[in-house]
Amino acid sequence: MKLVTAIIKPFKLDDVREALAPLGIQGLTVSEVKGFGRQKGQTEIYRGAEYRISFLPKIKVEIAIPDILVDQVIEAILDSARTGKIGDGKIFVNEINQVFRIRTRETGNEAL
């Protein structure tokens, strides 16, 4: 089992969710996060004063999936989250050693 974590632009969340649905993804976790990478933040003007925003708003999507779906999920996220501009985000894939469904006590792929 794998945990796929994607950091994406906020307005791309619906596109990513719609791209994952045909793959049979039944659940995912979404968090609002802030961060910076090569963008190094941005400068904005508010009431005539210029100020710098160091941390930009992003969305963190976490999906626990069976190993067999990893390539399809990554491809779906890459296609749906891409704008072609700096700051599109990153995808991380980590191994999951154990999963438990609390309600039924199922483990492994059955718990997903």
PDB file of N, CA and C in Angstrom:
ATOM      1  N   MET A   1       0.835  -1.176   0.000  1.00  0.00           N
ATOM      2  CA  MET A   1       0.000   0.000   0.000  1.00  0.00           C
ATOM      3  C   MET A   1       0.880   1.240   0.000  1.00  0.00           C
ATOM      4  N   LYS A   2       0.352   2.285  -0.585  1.00  0.00           N
ATOM      5  CA  LYS A   2       1.095   3.541  -0.691  1.00  0.00           C
ATOM      6  C   LYS A   2       0.233   4.698  -0.199  1.00  0.00           C
ATOM      7  N   LEU A   3       0.919   5.732   0.268  1.00  0.00           N
ATOM      8  CA  LEU A   3       0.286   7.005   0.603  1.00  0.00           C
ATOM      9  C   LEU A   3       0.798   8.021  -0.402  1.00  0.00           C
ATOM     10  N   VAL A   4      -0.099   8.508  -1.244  1.00  0.00           N
ATOM     11  CA  VAL A   4       0.255   9.526  -2.228  1.00  0.00           C
ATOM     12  C   VAL A   4      -0.159  10.868  -1.657  1.00  0.00           C
ATOM     13  N   THR A   5       0.807  11.763  -1.543  1.00  0.00           N
ATOM     14  CA  THR A   5       0.559  13.111  -1.035  1.00  0.00           C
ATOM     15  C   THR A   5       0.865  14.093  -2.157  1.00  0.00           C
ATOM     16  N   ALA A   6      -0.119  14.909  -2.488  1.00  0.00           N
ATOM     17  CA  ALA A   6       0.064  15.900  -3.551  1.00  0.00           C
ATOM     18  C   ALA A   6      -0.162  17.291  -2.972  1.00  0.00           C
ATOM     19  N   ILE A   7       0.753  18.192  -3.261  1.00  0.00           N
ATOM     20  CA  ILE A   7       0.612  19.600  -2.899  1.00  0.00           C
ATOM     21  C   ILE A   7       0.264  20.317  -4.196  1.00  0.00           C
ATOM     22  N   ILE A   8      -0.928  20.927  -4.249  1.00  0.00           N
ATOM     23  CA  ILE A   8      -1.422  21.513  -5.487  1.00  0.00           C
ATOM     24  C   ILE A   8      -1.951  22.924  -5.254  1.00  0.00           C
ATOM     25  N   LYS A   9      -2.226  23.613  -6.348  1.00  0.00           N
ATOM     26  CA  LYS A   9      -2.849  24.933  -6.256  1.00  0.00           C
ATOM     27  C   LYS A   9      -4.307  24.760  -5.836  1.00  0.00           C
ATOM     28  N   PRO A  10      -4.816  25.656  -4.995  1.00  0.00           N
ATOM     29  CA  PRO A  10      -6.179  25.492  -4.465  1.00  0.00           C
ATOM     30  C   PRO A  10      -7.265  25.370  -5.529  1.00  0.00           C
ATOM     31  N   PHE A  11      -7.175  26.122  -6.614  1.00  0.00           N
ATOM     32  CA  PHE A  11      -8.241  26.086  -7.614  1.00  0.00           C
ATOM     33  C   PHE A  11      -8.235  24.808  -8.459  1.00  0.00           C
ATOM     34  N   LYS A  12      -7.233  23.947  -8.278  1.00  0.00           N
ATOM     35  CA  LYS A  12      -7.143  22.692  -9.019  1.00  0.00           C
ATOM     36  C   LYS A  12      -7.737  21.506  -8.255  1.00  0.00           C
ATOM     37  N   LEU A  13      -8.218  21.724  -7.040  1.00  0.00           N
ATOM     38  CA  LEU A  13      -8.720  20.618  -6.220  1.00  0.00           C
ATOM     39  C   LEU A  13      -9.868  19.870  -6.893  1.00  0.00           C
ATOM     40  N   ASP A  14     -10.854  20.570  -7.402  1.00  0.00           N
ATOM     41  CA  ASP A  14     -11.989  19.905  -8.042  1.00  0.00           C
ATOM     42  C   ASP A  14     -11.551  19.108  -9.268  1.00  0.00           C
ATOM     43  N   ASP A  15     -10.616  19.643 -10.035  1.00  0.00           N
ATOM     44  CA  ASP A  15     -10.114  18.927 -11.209  1.00  0.00           C
ATOM     45  C   ASP A  15      -9.440  17.620 -10.802  1.00  0.00           C
ATOM     46  N   VAL A  16      -8.648  17.669  -9.739  1.00  0.00           N
ATOM     47  CA  VAL A  16      -7.954  16.476  -9.261  1.00  0.00           C
ATOM     48  C   VAL A  16      -8.966  15.445  -8.752  1.00  0.00           C
ATOM     49  N   ARG A  17      -9.935  15.889  -7.966  1.00  0.00           N
ATOM     50  CA  ARG A  17     -10.942  14.971  -7.437  1.00  0.00           C
ATOM     51  C   ARG A  17     -11.710  14.298  -8.577  1.00  0.00           C
ATOM     52  N   GLU A  18     -12.085  15.067  -9.587  1.00  0.00           N
ATOM     53  CA  GLU A  18     -12.807  14.508 -10.730  1.00  0.00           C
ATOM     54  C   GLU A  18     -11.949  13.533 -11.535  1.00  0.00           C
ATOM     55  N   ALA A  19     -10.651  13.770 -11.593  1.00  0.00           N
ATOM     56  CA  ALA A  19      -9.753  12.878 -12.320  1.00  0.00           C
ATOM     57  C   ALA A  19      -9.542  11.557 -11.571  1.00  0.00           C
ATOM     58  N   LEU A  20      -9.638  11.605 -10.239  1.00  0.00           N
ATOM     59  CA  LEU A  20      -9.428  10.396  -9.435  1.00  0.00           C
ATOM     60  C   LEU A  20     -10.672   9.513  -9.354  1.00  0.00           C
ATOM     61  N   ALA A  21     -11.850  10.092  -9.507  1.00  0.00           N
ATOM     62  CA  ALA A  21     -13.102   9.342  -9.359  1.00  0.00           C
ATOM     63  C   ALA A  21     -13.196   8.131 -10.293  1.00  0.00           C
ATOM     64  N   PRO A  22     -12.872   8.256 -11.589  1.00  0.00           N
ATOM     65  CA  PRO A  22     -12.969   7.083 -12.467  1.00  0.00           C
ATOM     66  C   PRO A  22     -12.022   5.938 -12.102  1.00  0.00           C
ATOM     67  N   LEU A  23     -11.006   6.231 -11.312  1.00  0.00           N
ATOM     68  CA  LEU A  23     -10.055   5.191 -10.898  1.00  0.00           C
ATOM     69  C   LEU A  23     -10.580   4.379  -9.718  1.00  0.00           C
ATOM     70  N   GLY A  24     -11.724   4.779  -9.188  1.00  0.00           N
ATOM     71  CA  GLY A  24     -12.296   4.059  -8.056  1.00  0.00           C
ATOM     72  C   GLY A  24     -11.785   4.535  -6.713  1.00  0.00           C
ATOM     73  N   ILE A  25     -11.179   5.702  -6.678  1.00  0.00           N
ATOM     74  CA  ILE A  25     -10.708   6.260  -5.414  1.00  0.00           C
ATOM     75  C   ILE A  25     -11.931   6.635  -4.589  1.00  0.00           C
ATOM     76  N   GLN A  26     -12.085   5.992  -3.426  1.00  0.00           N
ATOM     77  CA  GLN A  26     -13.285   6.175  -2.627  1.00  0.00           C
ATOM     78  C   GLN A  26     -13.139   7.230  -1.543  1.00  0.00           C
ATOM     79  N   GLY A  27     -11.924   7.658  -1.279  1.00  0.00           N
ATOM     80  CA  GLY A  27     -11.738   8.664  -0.251  1.00  0.00           C
ATOM     81  C   GLY A  27     -10.376   9.311  -0.338  1.00  0.00           C
ATOM     82  N   LEU A  28     -10.321  10.529   0.138  1.00  0.00           N
ATOM     83  CA  LEU A  28      -9.058  11.242   0.218  1.00  0.00           C
ATOM     84  C   LEU A  28      -9.174  12.282   1.317  1.00  0.00           C
ATOM     85  N   THR A  29      -8.046  12.739   1.773  1.00  0.00           N
ATOM     86  CA  THR A  29      -8.005  13.757   2.822  1.00  0.00           C
ATOM     87  C   THR A  29      -7.432  15.028   2.225  1.00  0.00           C
ATOM     88  N   VAL A  30      -8.093  16.149   2.509  1.00  0.00           N
ATOM     89  CA  VAL A  30      -7.663  17.439   1.973  1.00  0.00           C
ATOM     90  C   VAL A  30      -7.382  18.381   3.134  1.00  0.00           C
ATOM     91  N   SER A  31      -6.238  19.064   3.065  1.00  0.00           N
ATOM     92  CA  SER A  31      -5.862  20.051   4.079  1.00  0.00           C
ATOM     93  C   SER A  31      -5.446  21.339   3.385  1.00  0.00           C
ATOM     94  N   GLU A  32      -5.808  22.465   4.007  1.00  0.00           N
ATOM     95  CA  GLU A  32      -5.307  23.748   3.516  1.00  0.00           C
ATOM     96  C   GLU A  32      -3.967  23.993   4.193  1.00  0.00           C
ATOM     97  N   VAL A  33      -2.943  24.211   3.392  1.00  0.00           N
ATOM     98  CA  VAL A  33      -1.598  24.409   3.918  1.00  0.00           C
ATOM     99  C   VAL A  33      -0.993  25.659   3.285  1.00  0.00           C
ATOM    100  N   LYS A  34       0.143  26.078   3.801  1.00  0.00           N
ATOM    101  CA  LYS A  34       0.888  27.192   3.234  1.00  0.00           C
ATOM    102  C   LYS A  34       2.329  26.758   3.059  1.00  0.00           C
ATOM    103  N   GLY A  35       2.978  27.297   2.047  1.00  0.00           N
ATOM    104  CA  GLY A  35       4.366  26.950   1.823  1.00  0.00           C
ATOM    105  C   GLY A  35       4.956  27.775   0.703  1.00  0.00           C
ATOM    106  N   PHE A  36       6.227  27.504   0.429  1.00  0.00           N
ATOM    107  CA  PHE A  36       6.874  28.157  -0.698  1.00  0.00           C
ATOM    108  C   PHE A  36       7.939  27.238  -1.251  1.00  0.00           C
ATOM    109  N   GLY A  37       8.235  27.443  -2.495  1.00  0.00           N
ATOM    110  CA  GLY A  37       9.283  26.696  -3.177  1.00  0.00           C
ATOM    111  C   GLY A  37      10.030  27.676  -4.046  1.00  0.00           C
ATOM    112  N   ARG A  38      10.110  27.386  -5.319  1.00  0.00           N
ATOM    113  CA  ARG A  38      10.801  28.282  -6.242  1.00  0.00           C
ATOM    114  C   ARG A  38      10.078  29.607  -6.420  1.00  0.00           C
ATOM    115  N   GLN A  39       8.787  29.641  -6.098  1.00  0.00           N
ATOM    116  CA  GLN A  39       8.035  30.884  -6.226  1.00  0.00           C
ATOM    117  C   GLN A  39       8.555  31.956  -5.278  1.00  0.00           C
ATOM    118  N   LYS A  40       9.040  31.553  -4.135  1.00  0.00           N
ATOM    119  CA  LYS A  40       9.560  32.466  -3.115  1.00  0.00           C
ATOM    120  C   LYS A  40       8.514  33.477  -2.657  1.00  0.00           C
ATOM    121  N   GLY A  41       7.250  33.101  -2.699  1.00  0.00           N
ATOM    122  CA  GLY A  41       6.192  34.012  -2.274  1.00  0.00           C
ATOM    123  C   GLY A  41       5.839  34.981  -3.380  1.00  0.00           C
ATOM    124  N   GLN A  42       5.104  36.026  -3.011  1.00  0.00           N
ATOM    125  CA  GLN A  42       4.708  37.029  -3.993  1.00  0.00           C
ATOM    126  C   GLN A  42       4.516  38.370  -3.297  1.00  0.00           C
ATOM    127  N   THR A  43       4.563  39.429  -4.092  1.00  0.00           N
ATOM    128  CA  THR A  43       4.373  40.785  -3.575  1.00  0.00           C
ATOM    129  C   THR A  43       2.975  41.257  -3.950  1.00  0.00           C
ATOM    130  N   GLU A  44       2.265  41.832  -2.987  1.00  0.00           N
ATOM    131  CA  GLU A  44       0.925  42.349  -3.237  1.00  0.00           C
ATOM    132  C   GLU A  44       0.829  43.777  -2.736  1.00  0.00           C
ATOM    133  N   ILE A  45      -0.146  44.506  -3.272  1.00  0.00           N
ATOM    134  CA  ILE A  45      -0.380  45.878  -2.843  1.00  0.00           C
ATOM    135  C   ILE A  45      -1.752  45.948  -2.204  1.00  0.00           C
ATOM    136  N   TYR A  46      -1.799  46.466  -0.983  1.00  0.00           N
ATOM    137  CA  TYR A  46      -3.057  46.593  -0.252  1.00  0.00           C
ATOM    138  C   TYR A  46      -3.159  48.013   0.272  1.00  0.00           C
ATOM    139  N   ARG A  47      -4.176  48.744  -0.165  1.00  0.00           N
ATOM    140  CA  ARG A  47      -4.391  50.140   0.223  1.00  0.00           C
ATOM    141  C   ARG A  47      -3.142  50.993   0.017  1.00  0.00           C
ATOM    142  N   GLY A  48      -2.505  50.761  -1.110  1.00  0.00           N
ATOM    143  CA  GLY A  48      -1.347  51.563  -1.480  1.00  0.00           C
ATOM    144  C   GLY A  48      -0.033  51.103  -0.874  1.00  0.00           C
ATOM    145  N   ALA A  49      -0.091  50.190   0.075  1.00  0.00           N
ATOM    146  CA  ALA A  49       1.140  49.695   0.692  1.00  0.00           C
ATOM    147  C   ALA A  49       1.518  48.352   0.069  1.00  0.00           C
ATOM    148  N   GLU A  50       2.778  48.220  -0.241  1.00  0.00           N
ATOM    149  CA  GLU A  50       3.273  46.977  -0.817  1.00  0.00           C
ATOM    150  C   GLU A  50       3.782  46.072   0.297  1.00  0.00           C
ATOM    151  N   TYR A  51       3.394  44.821   0.258  1.00  0.00           N
ATOM    152  CA  TYR A  51       3.905  43.862   1.235  1.00  0.00           C
ATOM    153  C   TYR A  51       4.143  42.522   0.566  1.00  0.00           C
ATOM    154  N   ARG A  52       4.994  41.750   1.184  1.00  0.00           N
ATOM    155  CA  ARG A  52       5.422  40.468   0.618  1.00  0.00           C
ATOM    156  C   ARG A  52       4.773  39.323   1.374  1.00  0.00           C
ATOM    157  N   ILE A  53       4.197  38.394   0.621  1.00  0.00           N
ATOM    158  CA  ILE A  53       3.636  37.173   1.200  1.00  0.00           C
ATOM    159  C   ILE A  53       4.657  36.069   0.977  1.00  0.00           C
ATOM    160  N   SER A  54       5.235  35.570   2.069  1.00  0.00           N
ATOM    161  CA  SER A  54       6.280  34.555   1.956  1.00  0.00           C
ATOM    162  C   SER A  54       5.708  33.165   1.742  1.00  0.00           C
ATOM    163  N   PHE A  55       4.587  32.868   2.392  1.00  0.00           N
ATOM    164  CA  PHE A  55       3.988  31.542   2.293  1.00  0.00           C
ATOM    165  C   PHE A  55       2.696  31.639   1.492  1.00  0.00           C
ATOM    166  N   LEU A  56       2.620  30.854   0.429  1.00  0.00           N
ATOM    167  CA  LEU A  56       1.456  30.878  -0.448  1.00  0.00           C
ATOM    168  C   LEU A  56       0.477  29.768  -0.058  1.00  0.00           C
ATOM    169  N   PRO A  57      -0.816  30.017  -0.219  1.00  0.00           N
ATOM    170  CA  PRO A  57      -1.797  28.980   0.108  1.00  0.00           C
ATOM    171  C   PRO A  57      -1.733  27.836  -0.901  1.00  0.00           C
ATOM    172  N   LYS A  58      -1.774  26.632  -0.391  1.00  0.00           N
ATOM    173  CA  LYS A  58      -1.759  25.414  -1.211  1.00  0.00           C
ATOM    174  C   LYS A  58      -2.768  24.431  -0.625  1.00  0.00           C
ATOM    175  N   ILE A  59      -3.029  23.368  -1.350  1.00  0.00           N
ATOM    176  CA  ILE A  59      -3.889  22.288  -0.889  1.00  0.00           C
ATOM    177  C   ILE A  59      -3.051  21.019  -0.832  1.00  0.00           C
ATOM    178  N   LYS A  60      -3.176  20.305   0.265  1.00  0.00           N
ATOM    179  CA  LYS A  60      -2.488  19.022   0.434  1.00  0.00           C
ATOM    180  C   LYS A  60      -3.537  17.920   0.345  1.00  0.00           C
ATOM    181  N   VAL A  61      -3.366  17.044  -0.633  1.00  0.00           N
ATOM    182  CA  VAL A  61      -4.281  15.930  -0.853  1.00  0.00           C
ATOM    183  C   VAL A  61      -3.536  14.643  -0.495  1.00  0.00           C
ATOM    184  N   GLU A  62      -4.124  13.838   0.379  1.00  0.00           N
ATOM    185  CA  GLU A  62      -3.514  12.569   0.777  1.00  0.00           C
ATOM    186  C   GLU A  62      -4.454  11.427   0.404  1.00  0.00           C
ATOM    187  N   ILE A  63      -3.895  10.411  -0.262  1.00  0.00           N
ATOM    188  CA  ILE A  63      -4.689   9.291  -0.743  1.00  0.00           C
ATOM    189  C   ILE A  63      -3.949   8.001  -0.414  1.00  0.00           C
ATOM    190  N   ALA A  64      -4.590   7.127   0.337  1.00  0.00           N
ATOM    191  CA  ALA A  64      -4.037   5.800   0.619  1.00  0.00           C
ATOM    192  C   ALA A  64      -4.604   4.841  -0.418  1.00  0.00           C
ATOM    193  N   ILE A  65      -3.726   4.151  -1.134  1.00  0.00           N
ATOM    194  CA  ILE A  65      -4.164   3.304  -2.242  1.00  0.00           C
ATOM    195  C   ILE A  65      -3.386   1.994  -2.287  1.00  0.00           C
ATOM    196  N   PRO A  66      -3.963   0.979  -2.940  1.00  0.00           N
ATOM    197  CA  PRO A  66      -3.208  -0.258  -3.179  1.00  0.00           C
ATOM    198  C   PRO A  66      -2.069   0.012  -4.163  1.00  0.00           C
ATOM    199  N   ASP A  67      -1.010  -0.784  -4.085  1.00  0.00           N
ATOM    200  CA  ASP A  67       0.153  -0.599  -4.953  1.00  0.00           C
ATOM    201  C   ASP A  67      -0.202  -0.580  -6.438  1.00  0.00           C
ATOM    202  N   ILE A  68      -1.196  -1.346  -6.828  1.00  0.00           N
ATOM    203  CA  ILE A  68      -1.554  -1.493  -8.239  1.00  0.00           C
ATOM    204  C   ILE A  68      -2.064  -0.184  -8.862  1.00  0.00           C
ATOM    205  N   LEU A  69      -2.565   0.739  -8.041  1.00  0.00           N
ATOM    206  CA  LEU A  69      -3.128   1.991  -8.557  1.00  0.00           C
ATOM    207  C   LEU A  69      -2.141   3.163  -8.575  1.00  0.00           C
ATOM    208  N   VAL A  70      -0.943   2.971  -8.076  1.00  0.00           N
ATOM    209  CA  VAL A  70      -0.008   4.090  -7.896  1.00  0.00           C
ATOM    210  C   VAL A  70       0.239   4.854  -9.199  1.00  0.00           C
ATOM    211  N   ASP A  71       0.611   4.161 -10.254  1.00  0.00           N
ATOM    212  CA  ASP A  71       0.937   4.851 -11.510  1.00  0.00           C
ATOM    213  C   ASP A  71      -0.268   5.591 -12.081  1.00  0.00           C
ATOM    214  N   GLN A  72      -1.452   4.989 -11.999  1.00  0.00           N
ATOM    215  CA  GLN A  72      -2.656   5.627 -12.527  1.00  0.00           C
ATOM    216  C   GLN A  72      -3.017   6.874 -11.723  1.00  0.00           C
ATOM    217  N   VAL A  73      -2.890   6.805 -10.401  1.00  0.00           N
ATOM    218  CA  VAL A  73      -3.205   7.949  -9.553  1.00  0.00           C
ATOM    219  C   VAL A  73      -2.227   9.090  -9.808  1.00  0.00           C
ATOM    220  N   ILE A  74      -0.955   8.778  -9.897  1.00  0.00           N
ATOM    221  CA  ILE A  74       0.054   9.805 -10.167  1.00  0.00           C
ATOM    222  C   ILE A  74      -0.212  10.472 -11.513  1.00  0.00           C
ATOM    223  N   GLU A  75      -0.500   9.691 -12.523  1.00  0.00           N
ATOM    224  CA  GLU A  75      -0.771  10.238 -13.854  1.00  0.00           C
ATOM    225  C   GLU A  75      -2.010  11.131 -13.838  1.00  0.00           C
ATOM    226  N   ALA A  76      -3.049  10.711 -13.125  1.00  0.00           N
ATOM    227  CA  ALA A  76      -4.280  11.508 -13.037  1.00  0.00           C
ATOM    228  C   ALA A  76      -4.012  12.847 -12.356  1.00  0.00           C
ATOM    229  N   ILE A  77      -3.213  12.834 -11.288  1.00  0.00           N
ATOM    230  CA  ILE A  77      -2.893  14.084 -10.584  1.00  0.00           C
ATOM    231  C   ILE A  77      -2.022  14.980 -11.460  1.00  0.00           C
ATOM    232  N   LEU A  78      -1.017  14.393 -12.099  1.00  0.00           N
ATOM    233  CA  LEU A  78      -0.143  15.184 -12.976  1.00  0.00           C
ATOM    234  C   LEU A  78      -0.936  15.873 -14.081  1.00  0.00           C
ATOM    235  N   ASP A  79      -1.850  15.144 -14.696  1.00  0.00           N
ATOM    236  CA  ASP A  79      -2.633  15.710 -15.802  1.00  0.00           C
ATOM    237  C   ASP A  79      -3.621  16.768 -15.326  1.00  0.00           C
ATOM    238  N   SER A  80      -4.268  16.536 -14.183  1.00  0.00           N
ATOM    239  CA  SER A  80      -5.340  17.432 -13.751  1.00  0.00           C
ATOM    240  C   SER A  80      -4.859  18.643 -12.955  1.00  0.00           C
ATOM    241  N   ALA A  81      -3.698  18.562 -12.314  1.00  0.00           N
ATOM    242  CA  ALA A  81      -3.220  19.669 -11.479  1.00  0.00           C
ATOM    243  C   ALA A  81      -2.274  20.607 -12.223  1.00  0.00           C
ATOM    244  N   ARG A  82      -1.842  20.220 -13.384  1.00  0.00           N
ATOM    245  CA  ARG A  82      -0.828  20.989 -14.113  1.00  0.00           C
ATOM    246  C   ARG A  82      -1.420  22.236 -14.768  1.00  0.00           C
ATOM    247  N   THR A  83      -0.750  23.362 -14.557  1.00  0.00           N
ATOM    248  CA  THR A  83      -1.082  24.599 -15.281  1.00  0.00           C
ATOM    249  C   THR A  83       0.062  24.979 -16.217  1.00  0.00           C
ATOM    250  N   GLY A  84       1.238  24.405 -15.981  1.00  0.00           N
ATOM    251  CA  GLY A  84       2.407  24.741 -16.785  1.00  0.00           C
ATOM    252  C   GLY A  84       3.184  25.926 -16.251  1.00  0.00           C
ATOM    253  N   LYS A  85       2.733  26.459 -15.116  1.00  0.00           N
ATOM    254  CA  LYS A  85       3.403  27.608 -14.516  1.00  0.00           C
ATOM    255  C   LYS A  85       4.083  27.192 -13.215  1.00  0.00           C
ATOM    256  N   ILE A  86       5.029  27.991 -12.779  1.00  0.00           N
ATOM    257  CA  ILE A  86       5.740  27.710 -11.548  1.00  0.00           C
ATOM    258  C   ILE A  86       4.741  27.644 -10.384  1.00  0.00           C
ATOM    259  N   GLY A  87       4.969  26.708  -9.475  1.00  0.00           N
ATOM    260  CA  GLY A  87       4.094  26.573  -8.315  1.00  0.00           C
ATOM    261  C   GLY A  87       2.996  25.544  -8.478  1.00  0.00           C
ATOM    262  N   ASP A  88       3.061  24.725  -9.529  1.00  0.00           N
ATOM    263  CA  ASP A  88       2.031  23.694  -9.731  1.00  0.00           C
ATOM    264  C   ASP A  88       2.020  22.661  -8.613  1.00  0.00           C
ATOM    265  N   GLY A  89       3.138  22.437  -7.952  1.00  0.00           N
ATOM    266  CA  GLY A  89       3.152  21.553  -6.798  1.00  0.00           C
ATOM    267  C   GLY A  89       4.060  20.354  -6.942  1.00  0.00           C
ATOM    268  N   LYS A  90       3.867  19.410  -6.024  1.00  0.00           N
ATOM    269  CA  LYS A  90       4.693  18.204  -5.951  1.00  0.00           C
ATOM    270  C   LYS A  90       3.817  17.021  -5.585  1.00  0.00           C
ATOM    271  N   ILE A  91       4.309  15.816  -5.912  1.00  0.00           N
ATOM    272  CA  ILE A  91       3.663  14.574  -5.496  1.00  0.00           C
ATOM    273  C   ILE A  91       4.714  13.743  -4.771  1.00  0.00           C
ATOM    274  N   PHE A  92       4.341  13.235  -3.605  1.00  0.00           N
ATOM    275  CA  PHE A  92       5.217  12.368  -2.819  1.00  0.00           C
ATOM    276  C   PHE A  92       4.528  11.013  -2.662  1.00  0.00           C
ATOM    277  N   VAL A  93       5.298   9.938  -2.744  1.00  0.00           N
ATOM    278  CA  VAL A  93       4.752   8.595  -2.573  1.00  0.00           C
ATOM    279  C   VAL A  93       5.522   7.917  -1.447  1.00  0.00           C
ATOM    280  N   ASN A  94       4.777   7.460  -0.434  1.00  0.00           N
ATOM    281  CA  ASN A  94       5.374   6.792   0.717  1.00  0.00           C
ATOM    282  C   ASN A  94       4.753   5.416   0.906  1.00  0.00           C
ATOM    283  N   GLU A  95       5.532   4.518   1.462  1.00  0.00           N
ATOM    284  CA  GLU A  95       5.050   3.171   1.783  1.00  0.00           C
ATOM    285  C   GLU A  95       4.194   3.219   3.045  1.00  0.00           C
ATOM    286  N   ILE A  96       3.105   2.474   3.046  1.00  0.00           N
ATOM    287  CA  ILE A  96       2.264   2.319   4.242  1.00  0.00           C
ATOM    288  C   ILE A  96       2.471   0.902   4.748  1.00  0.00           C
ATOM    289  N   ASN A  97       2.849   0.768   5.999  1.00  0.00           N
ATOM    290  CA  ASN A  97       3.080  -0.555   6.568  1.00  0.00           C
ATOM    291  C   ASN A  97       1.800  -1.220   7.046  1.00  0.00           C
ATOM    292  N   GLN A  98       0.925  -0.460   7.666  1.00  0.00           N
ATOM    293  CA  GLN A  98      -0.320  -1.017   8.185  1.00  0.00           C
ATOM    294  C   GLN A  98      -1.446  -0.006   8.055  1.00  0.00           C
ATOM    295  N   VAL A  99      -2.647  -0.530   7.838  1.00  0.00           N
ATOM    296  CA  VAL A  99      -3.857   0.288   7.810  1.00  0.00           C
ATOM    297  C   VAL A  99      -4.929  -0.462   8.587  1.00  0.00           C
ATOM    298  N   PHE A 100      -5.666   0.267   9.402  1.00  0.00           N
ATOM    299  CA  PHE A 100      -6.765  -0.320  10.166  1.00  0.00           C
ATOM    300  C   PHE A 100      -8.005   0.535   9.988  1.00  0.00           C
ATOM    301  N   ARG A 101      -9.126  -0.101   9.723  1.00  0.00           N
ATOM    302  CA  ARG A 101     -10.404   0.613   9.735  1.00  0.00           C
ATOM    303  C   ARG A 101     -10.957   0.449  11.148  1.00  0.00           C
ATOM    304  N   ILE A 102     -11.144   1.558  11.819  1.00  0.00           N
ATOM    305  CA  ILE A 102     -11.528   1.538  13.229  1.00  0.00           C
ATOM    306  C   ILE A 102     -12.883   0.870  13.433  1.00  0.00           C
ATOM    307  N   ARG A 103     -13.857   1.223  12.601  1.00  0.00           N
ATOM    308  CA  ARG A 103     -15.227   0.724  12.798  1.00  0.00           C
ATOM    309  C   ARG A 103     -15.310  -0.793  12.710  1.00  0.00           C
ATOM    310  N   THR A 104     -14.662  -1.388  11.693  1.00  0.00           N
ATOM    311  CA  THR A 104     -14.823  -2.834  11.447  1.00  0.00           C
ATOM    312  C   THR A 104     -13.606  -3.658  11.827  1.00  0.00           C
ATOM    313  N   ARG A 105     -12.529  -2.992  12.176  1.00  0.00           N
ATOM    314  CA  ARG A 105     -11.251  -3.645  12.496  1.00  0.00           C
ATOM    315  C   ARG A 105     -10.620  -4.352  11.287  1.00  0.00           C
ATOM    316  N   GLU A 106     -11.038  -3.983  10.090  1.00  0.00           N
ATOM    317  CA  GLU A 106     -10.419  -4.538   8.887  1.00  0.00           C
ATOM    318  C   GLU A 106      -8.997  -3.993   8.794  1.00  0.00           C
ATOM    319  N   THR A 107      -8.139  -4.774   8.137  1.00  0.00           N
ATOM    320  CA  THR A 107      -6.748  -4.349   7.967  1.00  0.00           C
ATOM    321  C   THR A 107      -6.350  -4.491   6.502  1.00  0.00           C
ATOM    322  N   GLY A 108      -5.219  -3.889   6.161  1.00  0.00           N
ATOM    323  CA  GLY A 108      -4.680  -3.997   4.808  1.00  0.00           C
ATOM    324  C   GLY A 108      -5.553  -3.333   3.765  1.00  0.00           C
ATOM    325  N   ASN A 109      -5.548  -3.913   2.543  1.00  0.00           N
ATOM    326  CA  ASN A 109      -6.317  -3.329   1.437  1.00  0.00           C
ATOM    327  C   ASN A 109      -7.806  -3.267   1.724  1.00  0.00           C
ATOM    328  N   GLU A 110      -8.321  -4.196   2.522  1.00  0.00           N
ATOM    329  CA  GLU A 110      -9.751  -4.192   2.867  1.00  0.00           C
ATOM    330  C   GLU A 110     -10.112  -2.930   3.684  1.00  0.00           C
ATOM    331  N   ALA A 111      -9.154  -2.400   4.407  1.00  0.00           N
ATOM    332  CA  ALA A 111      -9.403  -1.211   5.240  1.00  0.00           C
ATOM    333  C   ALA A 111      -9.445   0.065   4.398  1.00  0.00           C
ATOM    334  N   LEU A 112      -8.895  -0.006   3.195  1.00  0.00           N
ATOM    335  CA  LEU A 112      -8.899   1.180   2.338  1.00  0.00           C
ATOM    336  C   LEU A 112     -10.286   1.380   1.765  1.00  0.00           C
TER     337      LEU A 112
END
